mmCIF file of all heavy atoms, coordinates in Angstrom:
data_MODEL
# 
_entry.id   MODEL 
# 
loop_
_atom_site.group_PDB 
_atom_site.id 
_atom_site.type_symbol 
_atom_site.label_atom_id 
_atom_site.label_alt_id 
_atom_site.label_comp_id 
_atom_site.label_asym_id 
_atom_site.label_entity_id 
_atom_site.label_seq_id 
_atom_site.pdbx_PDB_ins_code 
_atom_site.Cartn_x 
_atom_site.Cartn_y 
_atom_site.Cartn_z 
_atom_site.occupancy 
_atom_site.B_iso_or_equiv 
_atom_site.pdbx_formal_charge 
_atom_site.auth_seq_id 
_atom_site.auth_comp_id 
_atom_site.auth_asym_id 
_atom_site.auth_atom_id 
_atom_site.pdbx_PDB_model_num 
ATOM 1   N N   . GLU A 1 1  ? 9.300   -52.745 -62.636 1.00 0.00 ? 1  GLU A N   1 
ATOM 2   C CA  . GLU A 1 1  ? 10.438  -52.090 -63.263 1.00 0.00 ? 1  GLU A CA  1 
ATOM 3   C C   . GLU A 1 1  ? 10.016  -51.087 -64.378 1.00 0.00 ? 1  GLU A C   1 
ATOM 4   O O   . GLU A 1 1  ? 10.829  -50.279 -64.757 1.00 0.00 ? 1  GLU A O   1 
ATOM 5   C CB  . GLU A 1 1  ? 11.431  -53.032 -63.806 1.00 0.00 ? 1  GLU A CB  1 
ATOM 6   C CG  . GLU A 1 1  ? 10.931  -53.948 -64.958 1.00 0.00 ? 1  GLU A CG  1 
ATOM 7   C CD  . GLU A 1 1  ? 10.197  -55.150 -64.547 1.00 0.00 ? 1  GLU A CD  1 
ATOM 8   O OE1 . GLU A 1 1  ? 9.805   -55.249 -63.326 1.00 0.00 ? 1  GLU A OE1 1 
ATOM 9   O OE2 . GLU A 1 1  ? 10.055  -56.036 -65.405 1.00 0.00 ? 1  GLU A OE2 1 
ATOM 10  N N   . LEU A 1 2  ? 8.797   -51.168 -64.802 1.00 0.00 ? 2  LEU A N   1 
ATOM 11  C CA  . LEU A 1 2  ? 8.291   -50.231 -65.844 1.00 0.00 ? 2  LEU A CA  1 
ATOM 12  C C   . LEU A 1 2  ? 7.329   -49.238 -65.431 1.00 0.00 ? 2  LEU A C   1 
ATOM 13  O O   . LEU A 1 2  ? 6.603   -48.540 -66.227 1.00 0.00 ? 2  LEU A O   1 
ATOM 14  C CB  . LEU A 1 2  ? 7.682   -51.095 -67.027 1.00 0.00 ? 2  LEU A CB  1 
ATOM 15  C CG  . LEU A 1 2  ? 8.623   -51.990 -67.792 1.00 0.00 ? 2  LEU A CG  1 
ATOM 16  C CD1 . LEU A 1 2  ? 7.862   -52.827 -68.756 1.00 0.00 ? 2  LEU A CD1 1 
ATOM 17  C CD2 . LEU A 1 2  ? 9.668   -51.153 -68.495 1.00 0.00 ? 2  LEU A CD2 1 
ATOM 18  N N   . ALA A 1 3  ? 7.105   -49.094 -64.010 1.00 0.00 ? 3  ALA A N   1 
ATOM 19  C CA  . ALA A 1 3  ? 6.124   -48.239 -63.558 1.00 0.00 ? 3  ALA A CA  1 
ATOM 20  C C   . ALA A 1 3  ? 6.233   -46.782 -63.973 1.00 0.00 ? 3  ALA A C   1 
ATOM 21  O O   . ALA A 1 3  ? 5.286   -46.056 -64.099 1.00 0.00 ? 3  ALA A O   1 
ATOM 22  C CB  . ALA A 1 3  ? 6.116   -48.356 -62.041 1.00 0.00 ? 3  ALA A CB  1 
ATOM 23  N N   . ASP A 1 4  ? 7.464   -46.337 -64.084 1.00 0.00 ? 4  ASP A N   1 
ATOM 24  C CA  . ASP A 1 4  ? 7.772   -44.972 -64.533 1.00 0.00 ? 4  ASP A CA  1 
ATOM 25  C C   . ASP A 1 4  ? 8.364   -44.821 -65.854 1.00 0.00 ? 4  ASP A C   1 
ATOM 26  O O   . ASP A 1 4  ? 9.031   -43.869 -66.217 1.00 0.00 ? 4  ASP A O   1 
ATOM 27  C CB  . ASP A 1 4  ? 8.797   -44.388 -63.495 1.00 0.00 ? 4  ASP A CB  1 
ATOM 28  C CG  . ASP A 1 4  ? 8.206   -44.324 -62.055 1.00 0.00 ? 4  ASP A CG  1 
ATOM 29  O OD1 . ASP A 1 4  ? 7.001   -44.054 -61.931 1.00 0.00 ? 4  ASP A OD1 1 
ATOM 30  O OD2 . ASP A 1 4  ? 8.919   -44.569 -61.143 1.00 0.00 ? 4  ASP A OD2 1 
ATOM 31  N N   . ALA A 1 5  ? 8.020   -45.724 -66.741 1.00 0.00 ? 5  ALA A N   1 
ATOM 32  C CA  . ALA A 1 5  ? 8.515   -45.718 -68.116 1.00 0.00 ? 5  ALA A CA  1 
ATOM 33  C C   . ALA A 1 5  ? 7.402   -45.659 -69.114 1.00 0.00 ? 5  ALA A C   1 
ATOM 34  O O   . ALA A 1 5  ? 6.291   -46.104 -68.870 1.00 0.00 ? 5  ALA A O   1 
ATOM 35  C CB  . ALA A 1 5  ? 9.329   -46.969 -68.377 1.00 0.00 ? 5  ALA A CB  1 
ATOM 36  N N   . PRO A 1 6  ? 7.688   -45.020 -70.232 1.00 0.00 ? 6  PRO A N   1 
ATOM 37  C CA  . PRO A 1 6  ? 6.676   -45.021 -71.338 1.00 0.00 ? 6  PRO A CA  1 
ATOM 38  C C   . PRO A 1 6  ? 6.618   -46.411 -71.969 1.00 0.00 ? 6  PRO A C   1 
ATOM 39  O O   . PRO A 1 6  ? 7.702   -47.083 -72.109 1.00 0.00 ? 6  PRO A O   1 
ATOM 40  C CB  . PRO A 1 6  ? 7.135   -43.930 -72.362 1.00 0.00 ? 6  PRO A CB  1 
ATOM 41  C CG  . PRO A 1 6  ? 8.682   -43.905 -72.082 1.00 0.00 ? 6  PRO A CG  1 
ATOM 42  C CD  . PRO A 1 6  ? 8.868   -44.197 -70.552 1.00 0.00 ? 6  PRO A CD  1 
ATOM 43  N N   . VAL A 1 7  ? 5.416   -46.938 -72.317 1.00 0.00 ? 7  VAL A N   1 
ATOM 44  C CA  . VAL A 1 7  ? 5.288   -48.253 -72.900 1.00 0.00 ? 7  VAL A CA  1 
ATOM 45  C C   . VAL A 1 7  ? 4.226   -48.151 -73.915 1.00 0.00 ? 7  VAL A C   1 
ATOM 46  O O   . VAL A 1 7  ? 3.558   -47.217 -74.133 1.00 0.00 ? 7  VAL A O   1 
ATOM 47  C CB  . VAL A 1 7  ? 4.854   -49.346 -71.754 1.00 0.00 ? 7  VAL A CB  1 
ATOM 48  C CG1 . VAL A 1 7  ? 5.896   -49.351 -70.730 1.00 0.00 ? 7  VAL A CG1 1 
ATOM 49  C CG2 . VAL A 1 7  ? 3.519   -48.866 -71.153 1.00 0.00 ? 7  VAL A CG2 1 
ATOM 50  N N   . LEU A 1 8  ? 4.156   -49.265 -74.686 1.00 0.00 ? 8  LEU A N   1 
ATOM 51  C CA  . LEU A 1 8  ? 3.002   -49.505 -75.624 1.00 0.00 ? 8  LEU A CA  1 
ATOM 52  C C   . LEU A 1 8  ? 2.125   -50.543 -75.034 1.00 0.00 ? 8  LEU A C   1 
ATOM 53  O O   . LEU A 1 8  ? 2.606   -51.549 -74.501 1.00 0.00 ? 8  LEU A O   1 
ATOM 54  C CB  . LEU A 1 8  ? 3.574   -49.923 -77.004 1.00 0.00 ? 8  LEU A CB  1 
ATOM 55  C CG  . LEU A 1 8  ? 4.439   -48.918 -77.805 1.00 0.00 ? 8  LEU A CG  1 
ATOM 56  C CD1 . LEU A 1 8  ? 4.856   -49.561 -79.156 1.00 0.00 ? 8  LEU A CD1 1 
ATOM 57  C CD2 . LEU A 1 8  ? 3.698   -47.665 -78.022 1.00 0.00 ? 8  LEU A CD2 1 
ATOM 58  N N   . ASN A 1 9  ? 0.820   -50.300 -75.054 1.00 0.00 ? 9  ASN A N   1 
ATOM 59  C CA  . ASN A 1 9  ? -0.100  -51.299 -74.746 1.00 0.00 ? 9  ASN A CA  1 
ATOM 60  C C   . ASN A 1 9  ? -0.765  -51.862 -75.973 1.00 0.00 ? 9  ASN A C   1 
ATOM 61  O O   . ASN A 1 9  ? -1.201  -51.065 -76.866 1.00 0.00 ? 9  ASN A O   1 
ATOM 62  C CB  . ASN A 1 9  ? -1.203  -50.718 -73.876 1.00 0.00 ? 9  ASN A CB  1 
ATOM 63  C CG  . ASN A 1 9  ? -0.859  -50.654 -72.405 1.00 0.00 ? 9  ASN A CG  1 
ATOM 64  O OD1 . ASN A 1 9  ? 0.112   -51.235 -71.900 1.00 0.00 ? 9  ASN A OD1 1 
ATOM 65  N ND2 . ASN A 1 9  ? -1.449  -49.789 -71.583 1.00 0.00 ? 9  ASN A ND2 1 
ATOM 66  N N   . VAL A 1 10 ? -0.784  -53.168 -76.140 1.00 0.00 ? 10 VAL A N   1 
ATOM 67  C CA  . VAL A 1 10 ? -1.358  -53.854 -77.331 1.00 0.00 ? 10 VAL A CA  1 
ATOM 68  C C   . VAL A 1 10 ? -2.827  -54.018 -77.079 1.00 0.00 ? 10 VAL A C   1 
ATOM 69  O O   . VAL A 1 10 ? -3.253  -54.520 -75.973 1.00 0.00 ? 10 VAL A O   1 
ATOM 70  C CB  . VAL A 1 10 ? -0.661  -55.106 -77.612 1.00 0.00 ? 10 VAL A CB  1 
ATOM 71  C CG1 . VAL A 1 10 ? -1.442  -55.908 -78.707 1.00 0.00 ? 10 VAL A CG1 1 
ATOM 72  C CG2 . VAL A 1 10 ? 0.781   -54.969 -77.994 1.00 0.00 ? 10 VAL A CG2 1 
ATOM 73  N N   . HIS A 1 11 ? -3.642  -53.694 -78.088 1.00 0.00 ? 11 HIS A N   1 
ATOM 74  C CA  . HIS A 1 11 ? -5.117  -54.155 -78.048 1.00 0.00 ? 11 HIS A CA  1 
ATOM 75  C C   . HIS A 1 11 ? -5.381  -54.962 -79.322 1.00 0.00 ? 11 HIS A C   1 
ATOM 76  O O   . HIS A 1 11 ? -4.781  -54.725 -80.379 1.00 0.00 ? 11 HIS A O   1 
ATOM 77  C CB  . HIS A 1 11 ? -5.861  -52.807 -78.086 1.00 0.00 ? 11 HIS A CB  1 
ATOM 78  C CG  . HIS A 1 11 ? -5.605  -51.918 -76.946 1.00 0.00 ? 11 HIS A CG  1 
ATOM 79  N ND1 . HIS A 1 11 ? -5.968  -52.136 -75.668 1.00 0.00 ? 11 HIS A ND1 1 
ATOM 80  C CD2 . HIS A 1 11 ? -4.962  -50.646 -76.937 1.00 0.00 ? 11 HIS A CD2 1 
ATOM 81  C CE1 . HIS A 1 11 ? -5.585  -51.117 -74.924 1.00 0.00 ? 11 HIS A CE1 1 
ATOM 82  N NE2 . HIS A 1 11 ? -4.989  -50.186 -75.617 1.00 0.00 ? 11 HIS A NE2 1 
ATOM 83  N N   . ILE A 1 12 ? -6.349  -55.949 -79.132 1.00 0.00 ? 12 ILE A N   1 
ATOM 84  C CA  . ILE A 1 12 ? -6.605  -56.805 -80.117 1.00 0.00 ? 12 ILE A CA  1 
ATOM 85  C C   . ILE A 1 12 ? -7.982  -56.577 -80.665 1.00 0.00 ? 12 ILE A C   1 
ATOM 86  O O   . ILE A 1 12 ? -9.007  -56.993 -80.014 1.00 0.00 ? 12 ILE A O   1 
ATOM 87  C CB  . ILE A 1 12 ? -6.451  -58.272 -79.615 1.00 0.00 ? 12 ILE A CB  1 
ATOM 88  C CG1 . ILE A 1 12 ? -5.235  -58.552 -78.874 1.00 0.00 ? 12 ILE A CG1 1 
ATOM 89  C CG2 . ILE A 1 12 ? -6.632  -59.291 -80.753 1.00 0.00 ? 12 ILE A CG2 1 
ATOM 90  C CD1 . ILE A 1 12 ? -5.232  -58.262 -77.370 1.00 0.00 ? 12 ILE A CD1 1 
ATOM 91  N N   . PRO A 1 13 ? -8.114  -56.001 -81.893 1.00 0.00 ? 13 PRO A N   1 
ATOM 92  C CA  . PRO A 1 13 ? -9.421  -55.753 -82.409 1.00 0.00 ? 13 PRO A CA  1 
ATOM 93  C C   . PRO A 1 13 ? -10.138 -57.027 -82.676 1.00 0.00 ? 13 PRO A C   1 
ATOM 94  O O   . PRO A 1 13 ? -9.560  -58.159 -82.888 1.00 0.00 ? 13 PRO A O   1 
ATOM 95  C CB  . PRO A 1 13 ? -9.072  -54.987 -83.716 1.00 0.00 ? 13 PRO A CB  1 
ATOM 96  C CG  . PRO A 1 13 ? -7.734  -54.373 -83.605 1.00 0.00 ? 13 PRO A CG  1 
ATOM 97  C CD  . PRO A 1 13 ? -7.112  -55.398 -82.682 1.00 0.00 ? 13 PRO A CD  1 
ATOM 98  N N   . SER A 1 14 ? -11.511 -56.929 -82.662 1.00 0.00 ? 14 SER A N   1 
ATOM 99  C CA  . SER A 1 14 ? -12.244 -58.147 -82.847 1.00 0.00 ? 14 SER A CA  1 
ATOM 100 C C   . SER A 1 14 ? -12.088 -58.746 -84.206 1.00 0.00 ? 14 SER A C   1 
ATOM 101 O O   . SER A 1 14 ? -12.411 -60.014 -84.396 1.00 0.00 ? 14 SER A O   1 
ATOM 102 C CB  . SER A 1 14 ? -13.753 -57.825 -82.644 1.00 0.00 ? 14 SER A CB  1 
ATOM 103 O OG  . SER A 1 14 ? -14.241 -56.783 -83.543 1.00 0.00 ? 14 SER A OG  1 
ATOM 104 N N   . ASP A 1 15 ? -11.618 -58.044 -85.252 1.00 0.00 ? 15 ASP A N   1 
ATOM 105 C CA  . ASP A 1 15 ? -11.386 -58.546 -86.449 1.00 0.00 ? 15 ASP A CA  1 
ATOM 106 C C   . ASP A 1 15 ? -9.859  -58.897 -86.777 1.00 0.00 ? 15 ASP A C   1 
ATOM 107 O O   . ASP A 1 15 ? -9.499  -59.108 -87.919 1.00 0.00 ? 15 ASP A O   1 
ATOM 108 C CB  . ASP A 1 15 ? -11.866 -57.561 -87.560 1.00 0.00 ? 15 ASP A CB  1 
ATOM 109 C CG  . ASP A 1 15 ? -11.249 -56.192 -87.579 1.00 0.00 ? 15 ASP A CG  1 
ATOM 110 O OD1 . ASP A 1 15 ? -10.434 -55.989 -86.601 1.00 0.00 ? 15 ASP A OD1 1 
ATOM 111 O OD2 . ASP A 1 15 ? -11.511 -55.385 -88.468 1.00 0.00 ? 15 ASP A OD2 1 
ATOM 112 N N   . ALA A 1 16 ? -9.079  -58.894 -85.694 1.00 0.00 ? 16 ALA A N   1 
ATOM 113 C CA  . ALA A 1 16 ? -7.699  -59.192 -85.903 1.00 0.00 ? 16 ALA A CA  1 
ATOM 114 C C   . ALA A 1 16 ? -7.453  -60.581 -86.405 1.00 0.00 ? 16 ALA A C   1 
ATOM 115 O O   . ALA A 1 16 ? -8.140  -61.543 -86.079 1.00 0.00 ? 16 ALA A O   1 
ATOM 116 C CB  . ALA A 1 16 ? -6.968  -59.043 -84.524 1.00 0.00 ? 16 ALA A CB  1 
ATOM 117 N N   . VAL A 1 17 ? -6.470  -60.722 -87.306 1.00 0.00 ? 17 VAL A N   1 
ATOM 118 C CA  . VAL A 1 17 ? -5.992  -62.003 -87.863 1.00 0.00 ? 17 VAL A CA  1 
ATOM 119 C C   . VAL A 1 17 ? -4.739  -62.365 -87.072 1.00 0.00 ? 17 VAL A C   1 
ATOM 120 O O   . VAL A 1 17 ? -3.652  -61.751 -87.248 1.00 0.00 ? 17 VAL A O   1 
ATOM 121 C CB  . VAL A 1 17 ? -5.787  -61.901 -89.354 1.00 0.00 ? 17 VAL A CB  1 
ATOM 122 C CG1 . VAL A 1 17 ? -5.317  -63.304 -89.873 1.00 0.00 ? 17 VAL A CG1 1 
ATOM 123 C CG2 . VAL A 1 17 ? -7.089  -61.534 -90.072 1.00 0.00 ? 17 VAL A CG2 1 
ATOM 124 N N   . LEU A 1 18 ? -4.808  -63.419 -86.239 1.00 0.00 ? 18 LEU A N   1 
ATOM 125 C CA  . LEU A 1 18 ? -3.701  -63.778 -85.430 1.00 0.00 ? 18 LEU A CA  1 
ATOM 126 C C   . LEU A 1 18 ? -2.796  -64.892 -86.028 1.00 0.00 ? 18 LEU A C   1 
ATOM 127 O O   . LEU A 1 18 ? -2.378  -65.814 -85.305 1.00 0.00 ? 18 LEU A O   1 
ATOM 128 C CB  . LEU A 1 18 ? -4.135  -64.211 -84.051 1.00 0.00 ? 18 LEU A CB  1 
ATOM 129 C CG  . LEU A 1 18 ? -5.155  -63.236 -83.354 1.00 0.00 ? 18 LEU A CG  1 
ATOM 130 C CD1 . LEU A 1 18 ? -5.553  -63.722 -81.913 1.00 0.00 ? 18 LEU A CD1 1 
ATOM 131 C CD2 . LEU A 1 18 ? -4.330  -61.878 -83.212 1.00 0.00 ? 18 LEU A CD2 1 
ATOM 132 N N   . SER A 1 19 ? -2.441  -64.626 -87.301 1.00 0.00 ? 19 SER A N   1 
ATOM 133 C CA  . SER A 1 19 ? -1.447  -65.571 -87.985 1.00 0.00 ? 19 SER A CA  1 
ATOM 134 C C   . SER A 1 19 ? -0.044  -65.124 -87.548 1.00 0.00 ? 19 SER A C   1 
ATOM 135 O O   . SER A 1 19 ? 0.174   -63.984 -87.125 1.00 0.00 ? 19 SER A O   1 
ATOM 136 C CB  . SER A 1 19 ? -1.588  -65.532 -89.479 1.00 0.00 ? 19 SER A CB  1 
ATOM 137 O OG  . SER A 1 19 ? -1.285  -64.197 -89.969 1.00 0.00 ? 19 SER A OG  1 
ATOM 138 N N   . ARG A 1 20 ? 0.870   -66.047 -87.744 1.00 0.00 ? 20 ARG A N   1 
ATOM 139 C CA  . ARG A 1 20 ? 2.262   -65.657 -87.376 1.00 0.00 ? 20 ARG A CA  1 
ATOM 140 C C   . ARG A 1 20 ? 2.759   -64.469 -88.286 1.00 0.00 ? 20 ARG A C   1 
ATOM 141 O O   . ARG A 1 20 ? 3.365   -63.527 -87.801 1.00 0.00 ? 20 ARG A O   1 
ATOM 142 C CB  . ARG A 1 20 ? 3.189   -66.826 -87.591 1.00 0.00 ? 20 ARG A CB  1 
ATOM 143 C CG  . ARG A 1 20 ? 4.684   -66.685 -87.325 1.00 0.00 ? 20 ARG A CG  1 
ATOM 144 C CD  . ARG A 1 20 ? 4.915   -66.626 -85.742 1.00 0.00 ? 20 ARG A CD  1 
ATOM 145 N NE  . ARG A 1 20 ? 4.743   -65.244 -85.208 1.00 0.00 ? 20 ARG A NE  1 
ATOM 146 C CZ  . ARG A 1 20 ? 4.330   -65.084 -83.965 1.00 0.00 ? 20 ARG A CZ  1 
ATOM 147 N NH1 . ARG A 1 20 ? 4.143   -65.985 -83.149 1.00 0.00 ? 20 ARG A NH1 1 
ATOM 148 N NH2 . ARG A 1 20 ? 4.197   -63.889 -83.446 1.00 0.00 ? 20 ARG A NH2 1 
ATOM 149 N N   . GLU A 1 21 ? 2.357   -64.550 -89.551 1.00 0.00 ? 21 GLU A N   1 
ATOM 150 C CA  . GLU A 1 21 ? 2.824   -63.463 -90.456 1.00 0.00 ? 21 GLU A CA  1 
ATOM 151 C C   . GLU A 1 21 ? 2.213   -62.085 -90.086 1.00 0.00 ? 21 GLU A C   1 
ATOM 152 O O   . GLU A 1 21 ? 2.914   -61.122 -90.061 1.00 0.00 ? 21 GLU A O   1 
ATOM 153 C CB  . GLU A 1 21 ? 2.407   -63.812 -91.899 1.00 0.00 ? 21 GLU A CB  1 
ATOM 154 C CG  . GLU A 1 21 ? 2.775   -62.763 -92.915 1.00 0.00 ? 21 GLU A CG  1 
ATOM 155 C CD  . GLU A 1 21 ? 2.354   -63.195 -94.297 1.00 0.00 ? 21 GLU A CD  1 
ATOM 156 O OE1 . GLU A 1 21 ? 1.531   -64.062 -94.434 1.00 0.00 ? 21 GLU A OE1 1 
ATOM 157 O OE2 . GLU A 1 21 ? 2.728   -62.394 -95.247 1.00 0.00 ? 21 GLU A OE2 1 
ATOM 158 N N   . GLU A 1 22 ? 0.931   -62.046 -89.723 1.00 0.00 ? 22 GLU A N   1 
ATOM 159 C CA  . GLU A 1 22 ? 0.263   -60.790 -89.391 1.00 0.00 ? 22 GLU A CA  1 
ATOM 160 C C   . GLU A 1 22 ? 0.778   -60.248 -88.043 1.00 0.00 ? 22 GLU A C   1 
ATOM 161 O O   . GLU A 1 22 ? 0.863   -59.070 -87.943 1.00 0.00 ? 22 GLU A O   1 
ATOM 162 C CB  . GLU A 1 22 ? -1.183  -60.917 -89.503 1.00 0.00 ? 22 GLU A CB  1 
ATOM 163 C CG  . GLU A 1 22 ? -1.795  -61.157 -90.846 1.00 0.00 ? 22 GLU A CG  1 
ATOM 164 C CD  . GLU A 1 22 ? -1.563  -60.023 -91.754 1.00 0.00 ? 22 GLU A CD  1 
ATOM 165 O OE1 . GLU A 1 22 ? -1.590  -58.773 -91.301 1.00 0.00 ? 22 GLU A OE1 1 
ATOM 166 O OE2 . GLU A 1 22 ? -1.285  -60.196 -92.975 1.00 0.00 ? 22 GLU A OE2 1 
ATOM 167 N N   . LEU A 1 23 ? 0.917   -61.101 -87.068 1.00 0.00 ? 23 LEU A N   1 
ATOM 168 C CA  . LEU A 1 23 ? 1.454   -60.617 -85.809 1.00 0.00 ? 23 LEU A CA  1 
ATOM 169 C C   . LEU A 1 23 ? 2.803   -60.059 -85.919 1.00 0.00 ? 23 LEU A C   1 
ATOM 170 O O   . LEU A 1 23 ? 3.066   -58.940 -85.407 1.00 0.00 ? 23 LEU A O   1 
ATOM 171 C CB  . LEU A 1 23 ? 1.381   -61.788 -84.824 1.00 0.00 ? 23 LEU A CB  1 
ATOM 172 C CG  . LEU A 1 23 ? 0.006   -62.300 -84.275 1.00 0.00 ? 23 LEU A CG  1 
ATOM 173 C CD1 . LEU A 1 23 ? 0.227   -63.606 -83.579 1.00 0.00 ? 23 LEU A CD1 1 
ATOM 174 C CD2 . LEU A 1 23 ? -0.682  -61.210 -83.525 1.00 0.00 ? 23 LEU A CD2 1 
ATOM 175 N N   . ASP A 1 24 ? 3.686   -60.764 -86.637 1.00 0.00 ? 24 ASP A N   1 
ATOM 176 C CA  . ASP A 1 24 ? 5.082   -60.236 -86.804 1.00 0.00 ? 24 ASP A CA  1 
ATOM 177 C C   . ASP A 1 24 ? 5.098   -58.894 -87.549 1.00 0.00 ? 24 ASP A C   1 
ATOM 178 O O   . ASP A 1 24 ? 5.892   -58.025 -87.231 1.00 0.00 ? 24 ASP A O   1 
ATOM 179 C CB  . ASP A 1 24 ? 5.931   -61.257 -87.446 1.00 0.00 ? 24 ASP A CB  1 
ATOM 180 C CG  . ASP A 1 24 ? 6.325   -62.463 -86.545 1.00 0.00 ? 24 ASP A CG  1 
ATOM 181 O OD1 . ASP A 1 24 ? 6.095   -62.256 -85.285 1.00 0.00 ? 24 ASP A OD1 1 
ATOM 182 O OD2 . ASP A 1 24 ? 6.710   -63.537 -87.048 1.00 0.00 ? 24 ASP A OD2 1 
ATOM 183 N N   . ARG A 1 25 ? 4.242   -58.795 -88.501 1.00 0.00 ? 25 ARG A N   1 
ATOM 184 C CA  . ARG A 1 25 ? 4.126   -57.609 -89.310 1.00 0.00 ? 25 ARG A CA  1 
ATOM 185 C C   . ARG A 1 25 ? 3.732   -56.466 -88.388 1.00 0.00 ? 25 ARG A C   1 
ATOM 186 O O   . ARG A 1 25 ? 4.230   -55.282 -88.529 1.00 0.00 ? 25 ARG A O   1 
ATOM 187 C CB  . ARG A 1 25 ? 3.107   -57.816 -90.437 1.00 0.00 ? 25 ARG A CB  1 
ATOM 188 C CG  . ARG A 1 25 ? 2.808   -56.591 -91.337 1.00 0.00 ? 25 ARG A CG  1 
ATOM 189 C CD  . ARG A 1 25 ? 2.092   -56.881 -92.511 1.00 0.00 ? 25 ARG A CD  1 
ATOM 190 N NE  . ARG A 1 25 ? 1.635   -55.744 -93.263 1.00 0.00 ? 25 ARG A NE  1 
ATOM 191 C CZ  . ARG A 1 25 ? 0.472   -55.081 -93.082 1.00 0.00 ? 25 ARG A CZ  1 
ATOM 192 N NH1 . ARG A 1 25 ? -0.443  -55.592 -92.338 1.00 0.00 ? 25 ARG A NH1 1 
ATOM 193 N NH2 . ARG A 1 25 ? 0.224   -54.017 -93.802 1.00 0.00 ? 25 ARG A NH2 1 
ATOM 194 N N   . SER A 1 26 ? 2.732   -56.633 -87.535 1.00 0.00 ? 26 SER A N   1 
ATOM 195 C CA  . SER A 1 26 ? 2.348   -55.552 -86.615 1.00 0.00 ? 26 SER A CA  1 
ATOM 196 C C   . SER A 1 26 ? 3.454   -55.183 -85.664 1.00 0.00 ? 26 SER A C   1 
ATOM 197 O O   . SER A 1 26 ? 3.651   -53.999 -85.387 1.00 0.00 ? 26 SER A O   1 
ATOM 198 C CB  . SER A 1 26 ? 1.032   -56.062 -85.952 1.00 0.00 ? 26 SER A CB  1 
ATOM 199 O OG  . SER A 1 26 ? -0.080  -55.893 -86.608 1.00 0.00 ? 26 SER A OG  1 
# 
């Protein structure tokens, strides 16, 4: 359903902090 739509792709840097606060902030 998104084949013809603009989207954002998420990338996870090697130094990413995957806390709930930091994820929601991003």
